Amino acid sequence: MSSILIDRDFAGDGLWLSDKFTQAQMWLDILLRANIKIGTYRRGKHFVTVPVGSLVLVTRSTAKRWGCEEKDVNRVLHILAVVGFIKLKEHKGLSIVDVVNFQNYLPEGNNECC
């Protein structure tokens, strides 16, 4: 398998965010935004630890980012879960997306995570 490196900062680039996302772009956006180190997400008084290879996904803001409706976000997440790319879990009202085999998407020799 051959691969290319894409800087994670590209996920915030105007070019990346300029049009409605395709399903493939939605998947890549999840990969680019997944944690490369353990993080914490705060919602009100609650803190949620988000592991490596995961991200907290808020449907409303993700729909805005992807240029689609909330139902489209949920549909694509369901598809990605069914085909085994992600696992979805709920924690204190938040959607946590776990990328399956996240380490396989990282460049060899990456010591930043995992």
C-alpha atoms as a PDB file:
ATOM      1  CA  MET A   1       0.000   0.000   0.000  1.00  0.00           C
ATOM      2  CA  SER A   2       1.310   3.452  -0.819  1.00  0.00           C
ATOM      3  CA  SER A   3       0.378   6.578   1.082  1.00  0.00           C
ATOM      4  CA  ILE A   4       0.698  10.337   1.174  1.00  0.00           C
ATOM      5  CA  LEU A   5       1.171  12.673   4.110  1.00  0.00           C
ATOM      6  CA  ILE A   6      -1.444  15.330   4.734  1.00  0.00           C
ATOM      7  CA  ASP A   7      -0.776  17.919   7.418  1.00  0.00           C
ATOM      8  CA  ARG A   8      -3.548  17.884  10.028  1.00  0.00           C
ATOM      9  CA  ASP A   9      -3.744  21.685   9.756  1.00  0.00           C
ATOM     10  CA  PHE A  10      -5.291  21.179   6.326  1.00  0.00           C
ATOM     11  CA  ALA A  11      -8.556  20.311   8.117  1.00  0.00           C
ATOM     12  CA  GLY A  12      -8.874  23.998   9.032  1.00  0.00           C
ATOM     13  CA  ASP A  13      -7.848  25.381   5.641  1.00  0.00           C
ATOM     14  CA  GLY A  14     -10.281  27.545   3.697  1.00  0.00           C
ATOM     15  CA  LEU A  15      -9.906  25.381   0.598  1.00  0.00           C
ATOM     16  CA  TRP A  16     -10.854  22.249   2.569  1.00  0.00           C
ATOM     17  CA  LEU A  17     -13.890  23.960   4.107  1.00  0.00           C
ATOM     18  CA  SER A  18     -15.054  25.862   1.019  1.00  0.00           C
ATOM     19  CA  ASP A  19     -17.634  23.411  -0.395  1.00  0.00           C
ATOM     20  CA  LYS A  20     -20.109  20.782   0.719  1.00  0.00           C
ATOM     21  CA  PHE A  21     -18.261  17.614   1.728  1.00  0.00           C
ATOM     22  CA  THR A  22     -18.586  14.296  -0.068  1.00  0.00           C
ATOM     23  CA  GLN A  23     -18.797  11.109   2.003  1.00  0.00           C
ATOM     24  CA  ALA A  24     -15.114  10.462   1.317  1.00  0.00           C
ATOM     25  CA  GLN A  25     -14.215  13.953   2.574  1.00  0.00           C
ATOM     26  CA  MET A  26     -16.319  13.354   5.696  1.00  0.00           C
ATOM     27  CA  TRP A  27     -14.302  10.204   6.420  1.00  0.00           C
ATOM     28  CA  LEU A  28     -10.997  11.986   5.803  1.00  0.00           C
ATOM     29  CA  ASP A  29     -12.124  14.901   7.990  1.00  0.00           C
ATOM     30  CA  ILE A  30     -12.738  12.480  10.856  1.00  0.00           C
ATOM     31  CA  LEU A  31      -9.244  11.026  10.377  1.00  0.00           C
ATOM     32  CA  LEU A  32      -7.653  14.483  10.312  1.00  0.00           C
ATOM     33  CA  ARG A  33      -9.491  15.618  13.438  1.00  0.00           C
ATOM     34  CA  ALA A  34      -9.033  12.475  15.561  1.00  0.00           C
ATOM     35  CA  ASN A  35      -6.806  12.944  18.593  1.00  0.00           C
ATOM     36  CA  ILE A  36      -3.146  12.060  18.222  1.00  0.00           C
ATOM     37  CA  LYS A  37      -2.801  12.257  22.004  1.00  0.00           C
ATOM     38  CA  ILE A  38      -5.258  11.870  24.858  1.00  0.00           C
ATOM     39  CA  GLY A  39      -7.458  14.933  25.178  1.00  0.00           C
ATOM     40  CA  THR A  40     -10.208  16.332  27.367  1.00  0.00           C
ATOM     41  CA  TYR A  41     -13.518  17.749  26.199  1.00  0.00           C
ATOM     42  CA  ARG A  42     -15.572  19.963  28.479  1.00  0.00           C
ATOM     43  CA  ARG A  43     -19.329  20.210  28.318  1.00  0.00           C
ATOM     44  CA  GLY A  44     -20.780  22.349  31.069  1.00  0.00           C
ATOM     45  CA  LYS A  45     -19.532  20.976  34.374  1.00  0.00           C
ATOM     46  CA  HIS A  46     -18.553  17.633  32.870  1.00  0.00           C
ATOM     47  CA  PHE A  47     -15.165  16.647  31.483  1.00  0.00           C
ATOM     48  CA  VAL A  48     -14.785  13.724  29.109  1.00  0.00           C
ATOM     49  CA  THR A  49     -11.443  12.079  28.402  1.00  0.00           C
ATOM     50  CA  VAL A  50     -11.073  11.475  24.678  1.00  0.00           C
ATOM     51  CA  PRO A  51      -8.535   8.793  23.788  1.00  0.00           C
ATOM     52  CA  VAL A  52      -6.050   8.695  20.930  1.00  0.00           C
ATOM     53  CA  GLY A  53      -7.785   8.007  17.621  1.00  0.00           C
ATOM     54  CA  SER A  54     -11.098   9.453  18.797  1.00  0.00           C
ATOM     55  CA  LEU A  55     -12.960  12.721  18.670  1.00  0.00           C
ATOM     56  CA  VAL A  56     -16.049  14.286  20.160  1.00  0.00           C
ATOM     57  CA  LEU A  57     -18.483  14.995  17.394  1.00  0.00           C
ATOM     58  CA  VAL A  58     -21.312  17.497  17.828  1.00  0.00           C
ATOM     59  CA  THR A  59     -23.822  16.835  15.083  1.00  0.00           C
ATOM     60  CA  ARG A  60     -24.996  20.432  14.630  1.00  0.00           C
ATOM     61  CA  SER A  61     -21.533  21.971  14.263  1.00  0.00           C
ATOM     62  CA  THR A  62     -20.320  19.060  12.140  1.00  0.00           C
ATOM     63  CA  ALA A  63     -23.270  19.501   9.774  1.00  0.00           C
ATOM     64  CA  LYS A  64     -22.342  23.152   9.403  1.00  0.00           C
ATOM     65  CA  ARG A  65     -18.676  22.260   8.810  1.00  0.00           C
ATOM     66  CA  TRP A  66     -19.563  19.614   6.214  1.00  0.00           C
ATOM     67  CA  GLY A  67     -22.207  21.787   4.508  1.00  0.00           C
ATOM     68  CA  CYS A  68     -25.052  19.348   5.074  1.00  0.00           C
ATOM     69  CA  GLU A  69     -27.958  18.607   7.395  1.00  0.00           C
ATOM     70  CA  GLU A  70     -27.700  16.852  10.752  1.00  0.00           C
ATOM     71  CA  LYS A  71     -29.496  13.795   9.363  1.00  0.00           C
ATOM     72  CA  ASP A  72     -26.741  13.505   6.708  1.00  0.00           C
ATOM     73  CA  VAL A  73     -24.056  13.509   9.403  1.00  0.00           C
ATOM     74  CA  ASN A  74     -25.871  10.746  11.274  1.00  0.00           C
ATOM     75  CA  ARG A  75     -26.374   8.737   8.062  1.00  0.00           C
ATOM     76  CA  VAL A  76     -22.693   8.897   7.114  1.00  0.00           C
ATOM     77  CA  LEU A  77     -21.582   8.033  10.656  1.00  0.00           C
ATOM     78  CA  HIS A  78     -23.898   5.027  10.542  1.00  0.00           C
ATOM     79  CA  ILE A  79     -22.430   3.933   7.198  1.00  0.00           C
ATOM     80  CA  LEU A  80     -18.852   4.326   8.485  1.00  0.00           C
ATOM     81  CA  ALA A  81     -19.762   2.287  11.569  1.00  0.00           C
ATOM     82  CA  VAL A  82     -21.442  -0.484   9.555  1.00  0.00           C
ATOM     83  CA  VAL A  83     -18.427  -0.890   7.252  1.00  0.00           C
ATOM     84  CA  GLY A  84     -16.127  -0.970  10.277  1.00  0.00           C
ATOM     85  CA  PHE A  85     -14.224   2.298   9.837  1.00  0.00           C
ATOM     86  CA  ILE A  86     -15.447   3.784  13.122  1.00  0.00           C
ATOM     87  CA  LYS A  87     -17.168   2.852  16.353  1.00  0.00           C
ATOM     88  CA  LEU A  88     -19.730   5.218  17.813  1.00  0.00           C
ATOM     89  CA  LYS A  89     -20.450   5.611  21.490  1.00  0.00           C
ATOM     90  CA  GLU A  90     -22.415   8.031  23.603  1.00  0.00           C
ATOM     91  CA  HIS A  91     -21.001   9.499  26.796  1.00  0.00           C
ATOM     92  CA  LYS A  92     -22.919  12.022  28.875  1.00  0.00           C
ATOM     93  CA  GLY A  93     -24.908  13.114  25.829  1.00  0.00           C
ATOM     94  CA  LEU A  94     -21.863  13.433  23.578  1.00  0.00           C
ATOM     95  CA  SER A  95     -21.048  11.389  20.503  1.00  0.00           C
ATOM     96  CA  ILE A  96     -17.572   9.916  20.641  1.00  0.00           C
ATOM     97  CA  VAL A  97     -16.191   8.633  17.340  1.00  0.00           C
ATOM     98  CA  ASP A  98     -13.432   6.026  17.634  1.00  0.00           C
ATOM     99  CA  VAL A  99     -11.433   5.391  14.456  1.00  0.00           C
ATOM    100  CA  VAL A 100     -10.888   1.633  14.130  1.00  0.00           C
ATOM    101  CA  ASN A 101      -7.174   0.766  13.848  1.00  0.00           C
ATOM    102  CA  PHE A 102      -6.235   4.452  13.989  1.00  0.00           C
ATOM    103  CA  GLN A 103      -2.524   3.607  14.240  1.00  0.00           C
ATOM    104  CA  ASN A 104      -2.703   2.167  10.701  1.00  0.00           C
ATOM    105  CA  TYR A 105      -3.385   5.655   9.333  1.00  0.00           C
ATOM    106  CA  LEU A 106      -0.285   7.183  10.917  1.00  0.00           C
ATOM    107  CA  PRO A 107       3.104   7.456   9.240  1.00  0.00           C
ATOM    108  CA  GLU A 108       5.628   4.812  10.226  1.00  0.00           C
ATOM    109  CA  GLY A 109       7.835   5.822  13.103  1.00  0.00           C
ATOM    110  CA  ASN A 110       5.285   8.298  14.471  1.00  0.00           C
ATOM    111  CA  ASN A 111       6.076   8.519  18.168  1.00  0.00           C
ATOM    112  CA  GLU A 112       3.551  11.249  18.910  1.00  0.00           C
ATOM    113  CA  CYS A 113       0.815   8.825  19.832  1.00  0.00           C
ATOM    114  CA  CYS A 114      -0.267   5.254  20.365  1.00  0.00           C
END
